[in-house]
Protein backbone atom coordinates (compact mmCIF):
# COMPACT_ATOMS: atom_id res chain seq x y z
CA MET A 1 4.97 37.56 -1.91
CA GLY A 2 8.08 39.64 -1.20
CA ALA A 3 9.99 36.45 -0.27
CA MET A 4 9.24 34.96 -3.67
CA ARG A 5 10.49 38.07 -5.43
CA ARG A 6 13.74 37.89 -3.44
CA ARG A 7 14.10 34.22 -4.40
CA GLY A 8 13.66 35.01 -8.08
CA LEU A 9 10.23 33.43 -8.51
CA PRO A 10 7.32 35.39 -9.94
CA PRO A 11 4.14 35.60 -7.86
CA PHE A 12 2.05 32.43 -8.28
CA GLU A 13 -0.70 34.33 -10.15
CA GLU A 14 1.87 35.43 -12.75
CA PHE A 15 3.21 31.88 -13.03
CA LEU A 16 -0.36 30.56 -13.49
CA GLN A 17 -1.18 33.06 -16.23
CA GLU A 18 2.05 32.29 -18.08
CA HIS A 19 1.65 28.49 -18.06
CA ARG A 20 -2.09 27.80 -17.97
CA ALA A 21 -2.77 27.58 -21.74
CA MET A 22 0.17 25.27 -22.41
CA VAL A 23 -0.74 22.98 -19.51
CA TYR A 24 -4.39 22.85 -20.58
CA ARG A 25 -3.42 21.99 -24.19
CA PHE A 26 -1.29 19.15 -22.89
CA LEU A 27 -4.09 17.88 -20.62
CA VAL A 28 -6.76 17.94 -23.34
CA ALA A 29 -4.45 16.02 -25.65
CA SER A 30 -3.32 13.46 -23.09
CA ALA A 31 -6.32 13.09 -20.76
CA GLY A 32 -9.14 14.02 -23.12
CA PRO A 33 -11.68 16.83 -22.95
CA ALA A 34 -13.78 15.09 -20.27
CA GLU A 35 -10.89 14.76 -17.80
CA ALA A 36 -8.79 17.85 -18.67
CA ASP A 37 -10.58 20.27 -16.34
CA ASP A 38 -10.19 18.04 -13.29
CA CYS A 39 -6.53 17.33 -14.09
CA PHE A 40 -5.95 21.06 -14.65
CA GLN A 41 -7.35 21.92 -11.22
CA GLU A 42 -5.39 19.14 -9.53
CA THR A 43 -2.19 20.22 -11.31
CA PHE A 44 -2.39 23.83 -10.20
CA LEU A 45 -3.54 22.97 -6.66
CA SER A 46 -0.45 20.78 -6.30
CA ALA A 47 1.69 23.51 -7.84
CA LEU A 48 0.27 26.09 -5.43
CA ARG A 49 1.12 23.87 -2.44
CA SER A 50 4.69 23.28 -3.63
CA TYR A 51 5.47 26.68 -5.11
CA PRO A 52 6.88 28.26 -1.94
CA ARG A 53 9.46 25.45 -1.65
CA LEU A 54 10.87 25.82 -5.18
CA ARG A 55 14.49 26.79 -5.54
CA GLU A 56 15.63 29.86 -7.40
CA GLY A 57 16.42 29.03 -11.01
CA SER A 58 13.90 26.17 -11.21
CA ASN A 59 12.57 25.42 -14.69
CA LEU A 60 8.94 26.34 -14.01
CA ARG A 61 7.66 25.01 -17.36
CA ALA A 62 9.19 21.56 -16.85
CA TRP A 63 8.14 21.53 -13.20
CA VAL A 64 4.45 22.22 -13.89
CA LEU A 65 4.41 19.79 -16.85
CA THR A 66 5.87 17.11 -14.57
CA ILE A 67 2.99 17.69 -12.17
CA ALA A 68 0.46 17.62 -15.03
CA THR A 69 1.97 14.39 -16.41
CA ARG A 70 1.66 12.73 -13.01
CA LYS A 71 -1.96 13.86 -12.71
CA VAL A 72 -2.77 12.31 -16.11
CA ILE A 73 -1.11 9.04 -15.11
CA ASP A 74 -2.89 9.05 -11.72
CA MET A 75 -6.22 9.75 -13.43
CA ALA A 76 -5.70 6.83 -15.82
CA ARG A 77 -4.84 4.50 -12.95
CA ALA A 78 -7.87 5.67 -10.96
CA ARG A 79 -10.11 5.15 -13.99
CA GLY A 80 -8.93 1.53 -14.09
CA ARG A 81 -10.03 1.06 -10.47
CA ARG A 82 -13.50 2.61 -10.84
CA ALA A 83 -16.58 0.43 -10.55
CA VAL A 84 -18.11 -0.63 -13.83
CA PRO A 85 -21.80 0.35 -14.20
CA VAL A 86 -24.27 -2.51 -14.50
CA ALA A 87 -26.28 -0.98 -17.33
CA ASP A 88 -24.56 0.39 -20.41
CA PRO A 89 -25.02 4.16 -20.68
CA ASP A 90 -25.72 5.80 -24.03
CA LEU A 91 -22.10 6.62 -24.88
CA GLY A 92 -23.08 8.19 -28.19
CA ALA A 93 -25.04 10.95 -26.46
CA ALA A 94 -22.25 11.53 -23.93
CA ARG A 95 -19.62 11.85 -26.68
CA GLU A 96 -21.75 14.27 -28.68
CA ALA A 97 -22.17 16.47 -25.61
CA GLU A 98 -18.38 16.46 -25.01
CA ASP A 99 -17.32 16.89 -28.61
CA PRO A 100 -20.03 18.34 -30.82
CA GLY A 101 -17.79 18.01 -33.89
CA GLY A 102 -17.68 14.25 -33.52
CA ALA A 103 -14.86 12.10 -32.23
CA ASP A 104 -11.59 12.13 -34.14
CA PRO A 105 -10.41 8.51 -34.53
CA LEU A 106 -6.76 9.52 -34.21
CA TRP A 107 -7.31 11.26 -30.86
CA GLU A 108 -9.44 8.36 -29.66
CA ALA A 109 -6.50 6.07 -30.49
CA VAL A 110 -4.08 8.42 -28.69
CA ARG A 111 -6.26 8.43 -25.58
CA ALA A 112 -6.41 4.61 -25.63
CA LEU A 113 -2.61 4.39 -25.28
CA PRO A 114 -0.98 3.61 -21.93
CA PRO A 115 -0.70 6.83 -19.87
CA LYS A 116 3.07 7.32 -20.18
CA GLN A 117 3.03 6.85 -23.96
CA ARG A 118 0.04 9.16 -24.28
CA ALA A 119 1.75 11.82 -22.16
CA ALA A 120 5.02 11.49 -24.09
CA LEU A 121 3.22 11.93 -27.42
CA ALA A 122 1.31 14.95 -26.14
CA HIS A 123 4.52 16.57 -24.88
CA ARG A 124 6.37 15.79 -28.11
CA PHE A 125 3.74 16.64 -30.73
CA VAL A 126 1.19 18.92 -29.07
CA LEU A 127 3.72 21.04 -27.17
CA ASP A 128 6.52 20.47 -29.75
CA MET A 129 9.05 19.54 -27.07
CA THR A 130 12.45 17.97 -27.70
CA SER A 131 13.25 14.53 -26.31
CA ALA A 132 15.26 16.18 -23.54
CA GLU A 133 12.32 18.42 -22.62
CA VAL A 134 9.92 15.45 -22.68
CA ALA A 135 12.27 13.57 -20.37
CA GLU A 136 12.48 16.50 -17.96
CA ALA A 137 8.71 17.01 -17.93
CA MET A 138 8.06 13.32 -17.35
CA GLY A 139 10.85 12.85 -14.81
CA THR A 140 12.57 10.15 -16.90
CA SER A 141 15.76 9.69 -18.85
CA GLU A 142 15.91 10.96 -22.41
CA GLU A 143 16.17 7.36 -23.59
CA THR A 144 12.96 6.42 -21.75
CA ALA A 145 11.18 9.49 -23.15
CA ARG A 146 12.20 8.53 -26.71
CA ALA A 147 11.10 4.93 -26.07
CA ASN A 148 7.66 6.09 -24.85
CA VAL A 149 7.22 8.26 -27.96
CA TYR A 150 8.41 5.43 -30.22
CA GLN A 151 6.16 2.80 -28.63
CA GLY A 152 3.19 5.18 -28.66
CA LEU A 153 3.68 5.93 -32.36
CA LYS A 154 4.08 2.23 -33.12
CA LYS A 155 0.79 1.40 -31.35
CA LEU A 156 -0.98 4.29 -33.08
CA ARG A 157 0.15 3.04 -36.47
CA GLU A 158 -1.06 -0.46 -35.61
CA ARG A 159 -4.43 0.77 -34.35
CA THR A 160 -5.11 3.27 -37.11
CA GLY A 161 -3.49 1.26 -39.90
CA SER A 162 -1.71 4.39 -41.01
CA GLU A 163 1.98 5.12 -41.38
CA HIS A 164 1.15 8.82 -41.33
CA ALA A 165 -0.93 9.04 -38.14
CA ILE A 166 1.57 11.36 -36.49
CA HIS A 167 4.90 12.17 -38.03
CA ALA A 168 7.96 11.71 -35.84
């Protein structure tokens, strides 16, 4: 722990406490309530493994959001590779258990977007990040970050039939 203090990094526990709520908000918005807990654990396990190798002056917020974004994208890819059950489960009961207030059609549409667009929208509108911050968190150029937000908004408008789904 003394080595991290000398390098200018707070102890990992302090880092975790400072960033946990923001990361969880992002994960719920981009991965959904059912997947957020697993992505949260995976994000901070990866962060814990890499933390000792960080350089002094690293942007910890962008770094942990980059990890979280990758976990969301990995989760979406893995979901696409999972076996499909033979019998249809009662999805209505499962959704009620997850979200007792009922499913919000807008958030269902957001979660149906491709993972990079979904993550970009969550960074931009849930965490109120600038295009530059979205780019840094996603490990892309600012132009690519803006394109992901734009394409995500365009698809949301098409799916919801609303020009006012999320304001840019």
